[in-house]
Amino acid sequence: MDLFSGGRFIFGIGAGWLNGETEIMGGNFDHRWGQTREPVMKKLWAKDEAEFHGKYYDSPPVRSFPKPAQRTGPPIYIGAFATGNVFRRIASYGHGWITWMLSPDQVRQGRDMLYETAAALGRDPKSIEVVAAPVPPDLEGMKAFEEAGADTGLIFLLPDGDKQMLDELERIAQIALV
């Protein structure tokens, strides 16, 4: 996707929230964050042939093509609630935080905790993007998240068909032009 988009792809990950779903896919729910941390994909993105021997994943030499357009692979955004070790994970290896179902006040509080964590780890807090999701498709709602410190907002659209989708996109575009 990164190659085909000319380097515009963003890799958004979450560790999962449903035990049964995680286990069906071969994951270990109790260790799901540790599994997401092992740099299997980064090795595949960076080398012509890569093998990996970690705590959760073990693979022989593998070739993966095509390579991403971005030299180190697409940026990794971590989608998570504002709880636990989320901010340490984001500040350690993420390019951004995708919030989930948080109010503007919760986004502001989370952004502040994320920035504190990043600074404590020696990372420039401003290098981490905060993406609010979902954001209401109206100017007032968008502004509330912007004032809370979100750099970007994701609007979810659930239309009944193509015409409704185009109409909703046009309506949102007119709001954004104000």
C-alpha atoms as a PDB file:
ATOM      1  CA  MET A   1       0.000   0.000   0.000  1.00  0.00           C
ATOM      2  CA  ASP A   2       2.820   2.393   0.806  1.00  0.00           C
ATOM      3  CA  LEU A   3       4.468   1.829  -2.577  1.00  0.00           C
ATOM      4  CA  PHE A   4       1.227   2.137  -4.528  1.00  0.00           C
ATOM      5  CA  SER A   5       0.206   5.300  -2.667  1.00  0.00           C
ATOM      6  CA  GLY A   6       3.564   6.945  -3.311  1.00  0.00           C
ATOM      7  CA  GLY A   7       4.529   6.941   0.362  1.00  0.00           C
ATOM      8  CA  ARG A   8       1.239   8.299   1.706  1.00  0.00           C
ATOM      9  CA  PHE A   9       0.237   5.144   3.578  1.00  0.00           C
ATOM     10  CA  ILE A  10      -0.121   5.222   7.373  1.00  0.00           C
ATOM     11  CA  PHE A  11      -0.030   1.896   9.197  1.00  0.00           C
ATOM     12  CA  GLY A  12      -2.555   2.042  12.040  1.00  0.00           C
ATOM     13  CA  ILE A  13      -2.382  -0.755  14.591  1.00  0.00           C
ATOM     14  CA  GLY A  14      -4.249  -1.737  17.684  1.00  0.00           C
ATOM     15  CA  ALA A  15      -3.606  -4.775  19.820  1.00  0.00           C
ATOM     16  CA  GLY A  16      -7.224  -5.920  19.853  1.00  0.00           C
ATOM     17  CA  TRP A  17      -9.859  -5.860  22.522  1.00  0.00           C
ATOM     18  CA  LEU A  18     -11.688  -9.173  22.075  1.00  0.00           C
ATOM     19  CA  ASN A  19     -10.006 -12.220  23.596  1.00  0.00           C
ATOM     20  CA  GLY A  20     -11.662 -14.808  21.351  1.00  0.00           C
ATOM     21  CA  GLU A  21     -10.905 -12.861  18.181  1.00  0.00           C
ATOM     22  CA  THR A  22      -7.238 -12.534  19.143  1.00  0.00           C
ATOM     23  CA  GLU A  23      -6.894 -16.243  19.864  1.00  0.00           C
ATOM     24  CA  ILE A  24      -8.657 -17.311  16.634  1.00  0.00           C
ATOM     25  CA  MET A  25      -6.013 -15.353  14.717  1.00  0.00           C
ATOM     26  CA  GLY A  26      -3.190 -17.120  16.592  1.00  0.00           C
ATOM     27  CA  GLY A  27      -2.476 -14.349  19.069  1.00  0.00           C
ATOM     28  CA  ASN A  28      -2.008 -14.472  22.798  1.00  0.00           C
ATOM     29  CA  PHE A  29      -4.479 -12.005  24.289  1.00  0.00           C
ATOM     30  CA  ASP A  30      -2.564 -11.475  27.531  1.00  0.00           C
ATOM     31  CA  HIS A  31       0.602 -10.643  25.577  1.00  0.00           C
ATOM     32  CA  ARG A  32      -0.949  -8.870  22.590  1.00  0.00           C
ATOM     33  CA  TRP A  33       0.962  -5.632  23.088  1.00  0.00           C
ATOM     34  CA  GLY A  34       4.268  -7.492  23.304  1.00  0.00           C
ATOM     35  CA  GLN A  35       3.380  -9.235  20.053  1.00  0.00           C
ATOM     36  CA  THR A  36       2.743  -5.918  18.297  1.00  0.00           C
ATOM     37  CA  ARG A  37       6.121  -4.638  19.497  1.00  0.00           C
ATOM     38  CA  GLU A  38       8.255  -7.298  17.827  1.00  0.00           C
ATOM     39  CA  PRO A  39       9.686  -5.597  14.706  1.00  0.00           C
ATOM     40  CA  VAL A  40       8.918  -8.345  12.191  1.00  0.00           C
ATOM     41  CA  MET A  41       7.425  -6.004   9.572  1.00  0.00           C
ATOM     42  CA  LYS A  42      10.152  -3.385   9.979  1.00  0.00           C
ATOM     43  CA  LYS A  43      12.777  -6.045   9.195  1.00  0.00           C
ATOM     44  CA  LEU A  44      10.823  -7.192   6.145  1.00  0.00           C
ATOM     45  CA  TRP A  45      10.442  -3.604   4.967  1.00  0.00           C
ATOM     46  CA  ALA A  46      14.144  -2.813   5.392  1.00  0.00           C
ATOM     47  CA  LYS A  47      15.910  -5.887   3.962  1.00  0.00           C
ATOM     48  CA  ASP A  48      15.704  -7.905   0.771  1.00  0.00           C
ATOM     49  CA  GLU A  49      15.594 -11.047   2.876  1.00  0.00           C
ATOM     50  CA  ALA A  50      14.851 -11.051   6.581  1.00  0.00           C
ATOM     51  CA  GLU A  51      14.487 -13.623   9.288  1.00  0.00           C
ATOM     52  CA  PHE A  52      13.172 -13.050  12.746  1.00  0.00           C
ATOM     53  CA  HIS A  53      13.603 -14.944  16.003  1.00  0.00           C
ATOM     54  CA  GLY A  54      11.747 -13.284  18.839  1.00  0.00           C
ATOM     55  CA  LYS A  55       9.689 -14.156  21.867  1.00  0.00           C
ATOM     56  CA  TYR A  56       6.414 -14.492  19.936  1.00  0.00           C
ATOM     57  CA  TYR A  57       7.421 -14.849  16.288  1.00  0.00           C
ATOM     58  CA  ASP A  58       9.983 -17.078  14.660  1.00  0.00           C
ATOM     59  CA  SER A  59      10.534 -17.183  10.912  1.00  0.00           C
ATOM     60  CA  PRO A  60      13.210 -18.407   8.533  1.00  0.00           C
ATOM     61  CA  PRO A  61      14.631 -16.049   5.902  1.00  0.00           C
ATOM     62  CA  VAL A  62      11.707 -14.553   3.968  1.00  0.00           C
ATOM     63  CA  ARG A  63      11.514 -12.216   0.982  1.00  0.00           C
ATOM     64  CA  SER A  64       8.790  -9.587   0.889  1.00  0.00           C
ATOM     65  CA  PHE A  65       8.091  -7.463  -2.184  1.00  0.00           C
ATOM     66  CA  PRO A  66       7.244  -4.846  -3.163  1.00  0.00           C
ATOM     67  CA  LYS A  67       9.039  -2.728  -0.587  1.00  0.00           C
ATOM     68  CA  PRO A  68       7.411   0.386   0.880  1.00  0.00           C
ATOM     69  CA  ALA A  69       8.096   3.718  -0.826  1.00  0.00           C
ATOM     70  CA  GLN A  70       9.219   5.196   2.498  1.00  0.00           C
ATOM     71  CA  ARG A  71      12.732   3.974   3.303  1.00  0.00           C
ATOM     72  CA  THR A  72      11.941   2.787   6.846  1.00  0.00           C
ATOM     73  CA  GLY A  73       8.383   1.775   6.020  1.00  0.00           C
ATOM     74  CA  PRO A  74       5.158   3.630   6.641  1.00  0.00           C
ATOM     75  CA  PRO A  75       4.647   5.544   9.887  1.00  0.00           C
ATOM     76  CA  ILE A  76       3.025   3.492  12.627  1.00  0.00           C
ATOM     77  CA  TYR A  77       0.073   4.987  14.459  1.00  0.00           C
ATOM     78  CA  ILE A  78      -1.176   3.229  17.563  1.00  0.00           C
ATOM     79  CA  GLY A  79      -4.910   3.148  18.101  1.00  0.00           C
ATOM     80  CA  ALA A  80      -5.819   2.834  21.762  1.00  0.00           C
ATOM     81  CA  PHE A  81      -7.769   4.207  24.681  1.00  0.00           C
ATOM     82  CA  ALA A  82      -5.931   6.561  27.035  1.00  0.00           C
ATOM     83  CA  THR A  83      -5.040   3.866  29.551  1.00  0.00           C
ATOM     84  CA  GLY A  84      -2.163   1.837  30.928  1.00  0.00           C
ATOM     85  CA  ASN A  85       1.116   1.836  29.081  1.00  0.00           C
ATOM     86  CA  VAL A  86      -0.341   3.246  25.860  1.00  0.00           C
ATOM     87  CA  PHE A  87       1.575   6.523  26.055  1.00  0.00           C
ATOM     88  CA  ARG A  88       4.897   4.823  26.779  1.00  0.00           C
ATOM     89  CA  ARG A  89       4.372   2.572  23.750  1.00  0.00           C
ATOM     90  CA  ILE A  90       3.483   5.481  21.501  1.00  0.00           C
ATOM     91  CA  ALA A  91       6.407   7.601  22.707  1.00  0.00           C
ATOM     92  CA  SER A  92       8.787   4.647  22.335  1.00  0.00           C
ATOM     93  CA  TYR A  93       7.956   3.475  18.823  1.00  0.00           C
ATOM     94  CA  GLY A  94       4.852   5.132  17.410  1.00  0.00           C
ATOM     95  CA  HIS A  95       4.538   8.042  15.045  1.00  0.00           C
ATOM     96  CA  GLY A  96       1.095   8.926  16.327  1.00  0.00           C
ATOM     97  CA  TRP A  97      -1.840   8.127  18.573  1.00  0.00           C
ATOM     98  CA  ILE A  98      -5.282   7.373  17.161  1.00  0.00           C
ATOM     99  CA  THR A  99      -7.751   8.001  19.959  1.00  0.00           C
ATOM    100  CA  TRP A 100     -10.906   5.949  20.114  1.00  0.00           C
ATOM    101  CA  MET A 101     -14.316   7.207  21.202  1.00  0.00           C
ATOM    102  CA  LEU A 102     -12.906   9.936  23.459  1.00  0.00           C
ATOM    103  CA  SER A 103     -14.401  13.336  24.184  1.00  0.00           C
ATOM    104  CA  PRO A 104     -12.391  16.476  23.408  1.00  0.00           C
ATOM    105  CA  ASP A 105     -11.568  16.792  27.132  1.00  0.00           C
ATOM    106  CA  GLN A 106     -10.291  13.206  27.230  1.00  0.00           C
ATOM    107  CA  VAL A 107      -8.202  13.853  24.105  1.00  0.00           C
ATOM    108  CA  ARG A 108      -6.705  16.955  25.756  1.00  0.00           C
ATOM    109  CA  GLN A 109      -5.866  15.028  28.930  1.00  0.00           C
ATOM    110  CA  GLY A 110      -4.441  12.127  26.939  1.00  0.00           C
ATOM    111  CA  ARG A 111      -2.377  14.425  24.725  1.00  0.00           C
ATOM    112  CA  ASP A 112      -0.939  16.098  27.826  1.00  0.00           C
ATOM    113  CA  MET A 113      -0.002  12.702  29.340  1.00  0.00           C
ATOM    114  CA  LEU A 114       1.470  11.581  26.009  1.00  0.00           C
ATOM    115  CA  TYR A 115       3.587  14.730  25.747  1.00  0.00           C
ATOM    116  CA  GLU A 116       4.830  14.314  29.345  1.00  0.00           C
ATOM    117  CA  THR A 117       5.751  10.693  28.666  1.00  0.00           C
ATOM    118  CA  ALA A 118       7.541  11.559  25.417  1.00  0.00           C
ATOM    119  CA  ALA A 119       9.542  14.324  27.096  1.00  0.00           C
ATOM    120  CA  ALA A 120      10.504  11.993  29.958  1.00  0.00           C
ATOM    121  CA  LEU A 121      11.795   9.492  27.374  1.00  0.00           C
ATOM    122  CA  GLY A 122      13.801  12.196  25.600  1.00  0.00           C
ATOM    123  CA  ARG A 123      11.534  12.456  22.581  1.00  0.00           C
ATOM    124  CA  ASP A 124      10.187  15.691  21.140  1.00  0.00           C
ATOM    125  CA  PRO A 125       6.447  15.563  21.982  1.00  0.00           C
ATOM    126  CA  LYS A 126       5.597  17.565  18.868  1.00  0.00           C
ATOM    127  CA  SER A 127       6.966  14.709  16.730  1.00  0.00           C
ATOM    128  CA  ILE A 128       3.920  12.621  17.705  1.00  0.00           C
ATOM    129  CA  GLU A 129       0.652  13.245  15.888  1.00  0.00           C
ATOM    130  CA  VAL A 130      -2.657  12.994  17.734  1.00  0.00           C
ATOM    131  CA  VAL A 131      -5.520  11.719  15.571  1.00  0.00           C
ATOM    132  CA  ALA A 132      -9.018  11.958  17.045  1.00  0.00           C
ATOM    133  CA  ALA A 133     -11.451   9.240  15.983  1.00  0.00           C
ATOM    134  CA  PRO A 134     -14.259   9.527  15.378  1.00  0.00           C
ATOM    135  CA  VAL A 135     -14.883  13.247  15.004  1.00  0.00           C
ATOM    136  CA  PRO A 136     -18.412  14.481  14.317  1.00  0.00           C
ATOM    137  CA  PRO A 137     -18.965  15.726  10.762  1.00  0.00           C
ATOM    138  CA  ASP A 138     -19.782  19.292  11.799  1.00  0.00           C
ATOM    139  CA  LEU A 139     -17.690  22.421  12.211  1.00  0.00           C
ATOM    140  CA  GLU A 140     -18.319  22.796  15.945  1.00  0.00           C
ATOM    141  CA  GLY A 141     -17.281  19.208  16.675  1.00  0.00           C
ATOM    142  CA  MET A 142     -14.189  19.450  14.485  1.00  0.00           C
ATOM    143  CA  LYS A 143     -13.094  22.671  16.184  1.00  0.00           C
ATOM    144  CA  ALA A 144     -13.582  21.146  19.643  1.00  0.00           C
ATOM    145  CA  PHE A 145     -11.118  18.361  18.826  1.00  0.00           C
ATOM    146  CA  GLU A 146      -8.681  20.787  17.217  1.00  0.00           C
ATOM    147  CA  GLU A 147      -8.760  22.977  20.353  1.00  0.00           C
ATOM    148  CA  ALA A 148      -8.202  19.835  22.445  1.00  0.00           C
ATOM    149  CA  GLY A 149      -4.906  19.291  20.631  1.00  0.00           C
ATOM    150  CA  ALA A 150      -5.813  16.810  17.907  1.00  0.00           C
ATOM    151  CA  ASP A 151      -3.696  17.350  14.813  1.00  0.00           C
ATOM    152  CA  THR A 152      -6.086  15.368  12.622  1.00  0.00           C
ATOM    153  CA  GLY A 153      -9.576  13.973  12.918  1.00  0.00           C
ATOM    154  CA  LEU A 154     -11.195  10.950  11.326  1.00  0.00           C
ATOM    155  CA  ILE A 155     -14.842  11.168  10.326  1.00  0.00           C
ATOM    156  CA  PHE A 156     -16.728   7.907   9.971  1.00  0.00           C
ATOM    157  CA  LEU A 157     -19.350   7.784   7.236  1.00  0.00           C
ATOM    158  CA  LEU A 158     -22.093   5.184   7.180  1.00  0.00           C
ATOM    159  CA  PRO A 159     -24.268   6.038   4.168  1.00  0.00           C
ATOM    160  CA  ASP A 160     -26.813   3.731   2.555  1.00  0.00           C
ATOM    161  CA  GLY A 161     -25.278   3.882  -0.909  1.00  0.00           C
ATOM    162  CA  ASP A 162     -23.034   5.667  -3.403  1.00  0.00           C
ATOM    163  CA  LYS A 163     -25.298   8.705  -3.830  1.00  0.00           C
ATOM    164  CA  GLN A 164     -25.601   9.196  -0.072  1.00  0.00           C
ATOM    165  CA  MET A 165     -21.822   8.816   0.296  1.00  0.00           C
ATOM    166  CA  LEU A 166     -21.139  11.471  -2.329  1.00  0.00           C
ATOM    167  CA  ASP A 167     -23.753  13.806  -0.823  1.00  0.00           C
ATOM    168  CA  GLU A 168     -22.243  13.403   2.666  1.00  0.00           C
ATOM    169  CA  LEU A 169     -18.696  13.957   1.383  1.00  0.00           C
ATOM    170  CA  GLU A 170     -19.829  17.098  -0.433  1.00  0.00           C
ATOM    171  CA  ARG A 171     -21.577  18.371   2.722  1.00  0.00           C
ATOM    172  CA  ILE A 172     -18.438  17.789   4.814  1.00  0.00           C
ATOM    173  CA  ALA A 173     -16.238  19.436   2.168  1.00  0.00           C
ATOM    174  CA  GLN A 174     -18.417  22.562   2.299  1.00  0.00           C
ATOM    175  CA  ILE A 175     -18.056  22.665   6.098  1.00  0.00           C
ATOM    176  CA  ALA A 176     -14.269  22.343   5.817  1.00  0.00           C
ATOM    177  CA  LEU A 177     -14.151  25.305   3.430  1.00  0.00           C
ATOM    178  CA  VAL A 178     -15.698  27.666   6.001  1.00  0.00           C
END
